[in-house]
N, C-alpha and C. Protein backbone atom coordinates (compact mmCIF):
# COMPACT_ATOMS: atom_id res chain seq x y z
N MET A 1 -139.08 -83.81 157.47
CA MET A 1 -138.61 -82.63 156.76
C MET A 1 -139.30 -82.57 155.40
N GLU A 2 -139.79 -81.41 155.07
CA GLU A 2 -140.44 -81.21 153.78
C GLU A 2 -139.40 -81.19 152.68
N LYS A 3 -139.74 -81.78 151.53
CA LYS A 3 -138.83 -81.77 150.39
C LYS A 3 -138.96 -80.46 149.63
N VAL A 4 -137.85 -80.04 149.06
CA VAL A 4 -137.79 -78.86 148.20
C VAL A 4 -137.17 -79.36 146.89
N ILE A 5 -138.03 -79.75 145.95
CA ILE A 5 -137.57 -80.47 144.77
C ILE A 5 -137.07 -79.51 143.69
N ALA A 6 -135.84 -79.75 143.25
CA ALA A 6 -135.22 -78.98 142.17
C ALA A 6 -135.79 -79.43 140.82
N CYS A 7 -135.47 -78.71 139.79
CA CYS A 7 -135.93 -79.06 138.43
C CYS A 7 -135.58 -80.50 138.08
N CYS A 8 -134.39 -80.95 138.46
CA CYS A 8 -133.91 -82.29 138.12
C CYS A 8 -134.43 -83.37 139.05
N GLY A 9 -135.01 -82.98 140.17
CA GLY A 9 -135.53 -83.95 141.13
C GLY A 9 -134.72 -84.06 142.41
N LEU A 10 -133.53 -83.46 142.43
CA LEU A 10 -132.77 -83.46 143.69
C LEU A 10 -133.57 -82.72 144.76
N ASP A 11 -133.37 -83.11 146.00
CA ASP A 11 -134.07 -82.46 147.11
C ASP A 11 -133.18 -81.39 147.71
N CYS A 12 -133.45 -80.14 147.38
CA CYS A 12 -132.65 -79.01 147.87
C CYS A 12 -132.69 -78.91 149.40
N ALA A 13 -133.73 -79.43 150.02
CA ALA A 13 -133.84 -79.35 151.48
C ALA A 13 -132.71 -80.10 152.17
N THR A 14 -132.10 -81.06 151.47
CA THR A 14 -131.01 -81.83 152.06
C THR A 14 -129.63 -81.34 151.61
N CYS A 15 -129.59 -80.29 150.82
CA CYS A 15 -128.32 -79.77 150.28
C CYS A 15 -127.62 -78.91 151.33
N ASP A 16 -126.36 -79.22 151.57
CA ASP A 16 -125.59 -78.48 152.57
C ASP A 16 -125.42 -77.00 152.22
N ALA A 17 -125.36 -76.68 150.93
CA ALA A 17 -125.25 -75.26 150.55
C ALA A 17 -126.51 -74.51 150.96
N ARG A 18 -127.66 -75.08 150.72
CA ARG A 18 -128.92 -74.42 151.09
C ARG A 18 -129.05 -74.35 152.61
N ILE A 19 -128.73 -75.43 153.29
CA ILE A 19 -128.82 -75.46 154.74
C ILE A 19 -127.90 -74.39 155.35
N ALA A 20 -126.67 -74.31 154.84
CA ALA A 20 -125.72 -73.32 155.35
C ALA A 20 -126.19 -71.90 155.07
N THR A 21 -126.78 -71.69 153.90
CA THR A 21 -127.26 -70.35 153.54
C THR A 21 -128.41 -69.93 154.45
N LEU A 22 -129.39 -70.79 154.61
CA LEU A 22 -130.56 -70.43 155.42
C LEU A 22 -130.19 -70.23 156.89
N ALA A 23 -129.21 -71.00 157.37
CA ALA A 23 -128.79 -70.89 158.78
C ALA A 23 -127.64 -69.89 158.96
N ASP A 24 -127.13 -69.35 157.86
CA ASP A 24 -125.95 -68.48 157.88
C ASP A 24 -124.83 -69.14 158.69
N ASP A 25 -124.55 -70.40 158.34
CA ASP A 25 -123.60 -71.25 159.05
C ASP A 25 -122.28 -71.31 158.28
N ASN A 26 -121.32 -70.49 158.70
CA ASN A 26 -120.05 -70.43 158.00
C ASN A 26 -119.20 -71.68 158.17
N GLU A 27 -119.35 -72.39 159.28
CA GLU A 27 -118.64 -73.65 159.45
C GLU A 27 -119.10 -74.67 158.44
N LEU A 28 -120.42 -74.78 158.25
CA LEU A 28 -120.96 -75.72 157.26
C LEU A 28 -120.57 -75.29 155.85
N ARG A 29 -120.55 -74.00 155.59
CA ARG A 29 -120.08 -73.52 154.28
C ARG A 29 -118.65 -73.99 154.02
N ALA A 30 -117.79 -73.83 155.01
CA ALA A 30 -116.38 -74.22 154.85
C ALA A 30 -116.25 -75.72 154.63
N ARG A 31 -116.96 -76.52 155.42
CA ARG A 31 -116.90 -77.98 155.25
C ARG A 31 -117.44 -78.39 153.88
N THR A 32 -118.51 -77.74 153.45
CA THR A 32 -119.11 -78.06 152.15
C THR A 32 -118.18 -77.69 151.01
N ALA A 33 -117.56 -76.52 151.10
CA ALA A 33 -116.61 -76.09 150.07
C ALA A 33 -115.46 -77.08 149.96
N GLU A 34 -114.94 -77.51 151.09
CA GLU A 34 -113.83 -78.47 151.09
C GLU A 34 -114.27 -79.81 150.49
N LYS A 35 -115.41 -80.29 150.93
CA LYS A 35 -115.94 -81.58 150.45
C LYS A 35 -116.20 -81.53 148.94
N TRP A 36 -116.87 -80.49 148.47
CA TRP A 36 -117.22 -80.39 147.05
C TRP A 36 -115.99 -80.14 146.20
N SER A 37 -115.00 -79.43 146.72
CA SER A 37 -113.76 -79.20 145.96
C SER A 37 -113.09 -80.53 145.63
N VAL A 38 -113.08 -81.43 146.60
CA VAL A 38 -112.50 -82.76 146.39
C VAL A 38 -113.41 -83.60 145.50
N GLN A 39 -114.69 -83.64 145.85
CA GLN A 39 -115.66 -84.48 145.14
C GLN A 39 -115.76 -84.13 143.66
N PHE A 40 -115.74 -82.85 143.34
CA PHE A 40 -115.94 -82.41 141.97
C PHE A 40 -114.65 -81.90 141.31
N ASN A 41 -113.52 -82.08 142.01
CA ASN A 41 -112.22 -81.64 141.51
C ASN A 41 -112.30 -80.20 141.01
N ALA A 42 -112.77 -79.34 141.89
CA ALA A 42 -112.98 -77.93 141.54
C ALA A 42 -112.53 -77.05 142.70
N GLY A 43 -112.19 -75.84 142.39
CA GLY A 43 -111.78 -74.87 143.41
C GLY A 43 -112.99 -74.13 143.95
N ILE A 44 -113.65 -74.72 144.92
CA ILE A 44 -114.85 -74.12 145.51
C ILE A 44 -114.46 -73.49 146.84
N THR A 45 -114.78 -72.22 146.98
CA THR A 45 -114.45 -71.50 148.21
C THR A 45 -115.66 -71.42 149.14
N THR A 46 -115.38 -71.13 150.37
CA THR A 46 -116.44 -70.94 151.37
C THR A 46 -117.42 -69.87 150.92
N GLU A 47 -116.90 -68.81 150.33
CA GLU A 47 -117.75 -67.69 149.89
C GLU A 47 -118.71 -68.09 148.77
N MET A 48 -118.39 -69.15 148.06
CA MET A 48 -119.24 -69.61 146.96
C MET A 48 -120.44 -70.42 147.45
N ILE A 49 -120.41 -70.86 148.68
CA ILE A 49 -121.47 -71.72 149.20
C ILE A 49 -122.62 -70.86 149.70
N ASN A 50 -123.47 -70.48 148.77
CA ASN A 50 -124.67 -69.70 149.04
C ASN A 50 -125.74 -70.11 148.04
N CYS A 51 -126.85 -70.62 148.52
CA CYS A 51 -127.93 -71.03 147.62
C CYS A 51 -129.22 -71.20 148.44
N THR A 52 -130.30 -70.69 147.89
CA THR A 52 -131.60 -70.85 148.56
C THR A 52 -132.40 -72.00 147.98
N GLY A 53 -131.90 -72.60 146.90
CA GLY A 53 -132.59 -73.72 146.26
C GLY A 53 -132.90 -73.40 144.81
N CYS A 54 -132.91 -74.41 144.00
CA CYS A 54 -133.08 -74.28 142.55
C CYS A 54 -134.31 -73.48 142.16
N ARG A 55 -135.43 -73.78 142.78
CA ARG A 55 -136.69 -73.13 142.37
C ARG A 55 -137.17 -72.09 143.37
N GLU A 56 -136.33 -71.78 144.34
CA GLU A 56 -136.68 -70.80 145.36
C GLU A 56 -136.11 -69.44 144.98
N ALA A 57 -136.76 -68.39 145.42
CA ALA A 57 -136.24 -67.04 145.19
C ALA A 57 -134.94 -66.88 145.97
N GLY A 58 -134.04 -66.10 145.44
CA GLY A 58 -132.80 -65.80 146.15
C GLY A 58 -131.57 -66.28 145.42
N VAL A 59 -130.47 -66.23 146.11
CA VAL A 59 -129.15 -66.55 145.56
C VAL A 59 -129.07 -68.03 145.16
N LYS A 60 -128.28 -68.29 144.12
CA LYS A 60 -128.03 -69.66 143.66
C LYS A 60 -126.54 -69.94 143.68
N PHE A 61 -126.18 -71.15 144.03
CA PHE A 61 -124.80 -71.62 143.91
C PHE A 61 -124.43 -71.52 142.44
N GLY A 62 -123.19 -71.20 142.12
CA GLY A 62 -122.75 -70.99 140.74
C GLY A 62 -123.27 -72.02 139.76
N HIS A 63 -123.10 -73.29 140.08
CA HIS A 63 -123.57 -74.34 139.17
C HIS A 63 -125.09 -74.28 139.01
N CYS A 64 -125.79 -74.08 140.08
CA CYS A 64 -127.26 -74.06 140.02
C CYS A 64 -127.78 -72.93 139.15
N SER A 65 -127.11 -71.79 139.20
CA SER A 65 -127.57 -70.66 138.40
C SER A 65 -127.30 -70.88 136.91
N GLN A 66 -126.35 -71.74 136.58
CA GLN A 66 -125.96 -72.01 135.20
C GLN A 66 -126.45 -73.36 134.69
N CYS A 67 -127.18 -74.11 135.50
CA CYS A 67 -127.55 -75.49 135.22
C CYS A 67 -128.37 -75.64 133.93
N GLU A 68 -127.89 -76.51 133.04
CA GLU A 68 -128.57 -76.76 131.76
C GLU A 68 -129.95 -77.40 131.97
N ILE A 69 -130.08 -78.20 133.00
CA ILE A 69 -131.36 -78.84 133.29
C ILE A 69 -132.37 -77.77 133.70
N ARG A 70 -131.96 -76.89 134.58
CA ARG A 70 -132.81 -75.79 135.04
C ARG A 70 -133.20 -74.88 133.87
N LYS A 71 -132.22 -74.57 133.01
CA LYS A 71 -132.49 -73.73 131.84
C LYS A 71 -133.49 -74.40 130.91
N CYS A 72 -133.34 -75.68 130.68
CA CYS A 72 -134.23 -76.42 129.78
C CYS A 72 -135.66 -76.42 130.31
N ALA A 73 -135.82 -76.77 131.58
CA ALA A 73 -137.17 -76.79 132.17
C ALA A 73 -137.80 -75.40 132.08
N GLY A 74 -137.05 -74.37 132.41
CA GLY A 74 -137.57 -73.01 132.35
C GLY A 74 -137.95 -72.59 130.95
N SER A 75 -137.15 -72.99 129.97
CA SER A 75 -137.44 -72.60 128.58
C SER A 75 -138.73 -73.23 128.07
N LYS A 76 -139.13 -74.34 128.68
CA LYS A 76 -140.36 -75.02 128.30
C LYS A 76 -141.54 -74.60 129.17
N GLY A 77 -141.27 -73.72 130.14
CA GLY A 77 -142.31 -73.27 131.05
C GLY A 77 -142.64 -74.27 132.14
N TYR A 78 -141.74 -75.22 132.38
CA TYR A 78 -141.96 -76.25 133.40
C TYR A 78 -141.36 -75.83 134.74
N GLN A 79 -142.00 -76.24 135.81
CA GLN A 79 -141.42 -76.07 137.14
C GLN A 79 -140.30 -77.09 137.37
N THR A 80 -140.54 -78.33 136.91
CA THR A 80 -139.56 -79.40 137.04
C THR A 80 -139.57 -80.25 135.78
N CYS A 81 -138.58 -81.10 135.65
CA CYS A 81 -138.52 -82.04 134.53
C CYS A 81 -139.64 -83.08 134.61
N GLY A 82 -140.26 -83.19 135.76
CA GLY A 82 -141.37 -84.14 135.91
C GLY A 82 -142.55 -83.82 135.02
N GLU A 83 -142.63 -82.61 134.52
CA GLU A 83 -143.71 -82.21 133.62
C GLU A 83 -143.44 -82.58 132.17
N CYS A 84 -142.22 -82.98 131.87
CA CYS A 84 -141.81 -83.24 130.49
C CYS A 84 -142.07 -84.69 130.11
N GLU A 85 -142.64 -84.87 128.92
CA GLU A 85 -142.92 -86.22 128.44
C GLU A 85 -141.65 -87.01 128.12
N LYS A 86 -140.52 -86.34 128.00
CA LYS A 86 -139.25 -87.00 127.70
C LYS A 86 -138.44 -87.34 128.94
N LEU A 87 -139.01 -87.16 130.11
CA LEU A 87 -138.29 -87.31 131.38
C LEU A 87 -137.43 -88.57 131.45
N GLU A 88 -138.00 -89.71 131.20
CA GLU A 88 -137.28 -90.97 131.42
C GLU A 88 -136.25 -91.28 130.34
N ASN A 89 -136.26 -90.55 129.23
CA ASN A 89 -135.30 -90.78 128.16
C ASN A 89 -134.44 -89.56 127.87
N CYS A 90 -134.48 -88.58 128.72
CA CYS A 90 -133.75 -87.33 128.48
C CYS A 90 -132.29 -87.47 128.91
N PRO A 91 -131.35 -87.33 127.97
CA PRO A 91 -129.94 -87.46 128.33
C PRO A 91 -129.45 -86.33 129.24
N THR A 92 -130.10 -85.19 129.19
CA THR A 92 -129.67 -84.06 130.02
C THR A 92 -129.91 -84.34 131.50
N VAL A 93 -131.10 -84.78 131.85
CA VAL A 93 -131.41 -85.02 133.26
C VAL A 93 -130.95 -86.41 133.72
N GLN A 94 -130.74 -87.33 132.78
CA GLN A 94 -130.28 -88.67 133.17
C GLN A 94 -128.91 -88.65 133.83
N MET A 95 -128.11 -87.62 133.53
CA MET A 95 -126.79 -87.55 134.17
C MET A 95 -126.92 -87.39 135.69
N VAL A 96 -128.01 -86.79 136.15
CA VAL A 96 -128.28 -86.69 137.58
C VAL A 96 -128.88 -88.00 138.08
N HIS A 97 -129.86 -88.52 137.37
CA HIS A 97 -130.59 -89.70 137.82
C HIS A 97 -129.73 -90.96 137.88
N GLN A 98 -128.68 -91.03 137.07
CA GLN A 98 -127.81 -92.21 137.12
C GLN A 98 -127.04 -92.26 138.43
N TYR A 99 -126.77 -91.10 139.02
CA TYR A 99 -126.04 -91.05 140.29
C TYR A 99 -126.94 -90.91 141.51
N VAL A 100 -128.13 -90.34 141.30
CA VAL A 100 -129.08 -90.15 142.40
C VAL A 100 -130.47 -90.60 141.93
N PRO A 101 -130.70 -91.92 141.95
CA PRO A 101 -131.98 -92.45 141.46
C PRO A 101 -133.20 -91.90 142.21
N ASP A 102 -133.02 -91.49 143.45
CA ASP A 102 -134.13 -90.91 144.21
C ASP A 102 -134.66 -89.64 143.55
N ALA A 103 -133.82 -88.96 142.78
CA ALA A 103 -134.25 -87.72 142.12
C ALA A 103 -135.36 -88.01 141.11
N LEU A 104 -135.24 -89.10 140.37
CA LEU A 104 -136.30 -89.48 139.43
C LEU A 104 -137.58 -89.81 140.20
N GLY A 105 -137.47 -90.52 141.29
CA GLY A 105 -138.63 -90.83 142.13
C GLY A 105 -139.29 -89.59 142.68
N ASN A 106 -138.47 -88.60 143.07
CA ASN A 106 -139.02 -87.34 143.55
C ASN A 106 -139.87 -86.67 142.48
N LEU A 107 -139.38 -86.67 141.24
CA LEU A 107 -140.13 -86.05 140.14
C LEU A 107 -141.42 -86.82 139.86
N GLN A 108 -141.33 -88.14 139.87
CA GLN A 108 -142.51 -88.96 139.61
C GLN A 108 -143.56 -88.80 140.69
N SER A 109 -143.12 -88.52 141.91
CA SER A 109 -144.09 -88.36 143.00
C SER A 109 -144.83 -87.04 142.96
N LEU A 110 -144.34 -86.09 142.16
CA LEU A 110 -144.99 -84.79 142.05
C LEU A 110 -146.25 -84.85 141.19
N ASN A 111 -146.35 -85.86 140.34
CA ASN A 111 -147.49 -85.95 139.40
C ASN A 111 -148.64 -86.73 140.00
């Protein structure tokens, strides 16, 4: 499977919201909403599970459209944080990398 790397390095190709959106799979949307509601202690509904990917054209999941990491990269004219010289010491993107170390590796592999 080809990777679809987000600004932070997460692989959108493996994200259930993106998979459900592209397949128009309402069962997966419902399961994802339930899972994320518990995981993130948030009220996420099935209708909210729509996203084509961080750097892809189309709809974004609420968090993705408001993401500070995405905003920062865009404000600097970067496609991803991998282009930034502060990548490994950036407190903004480190919040993702501390939980998903593969995201940093994804960014490093782009260069």
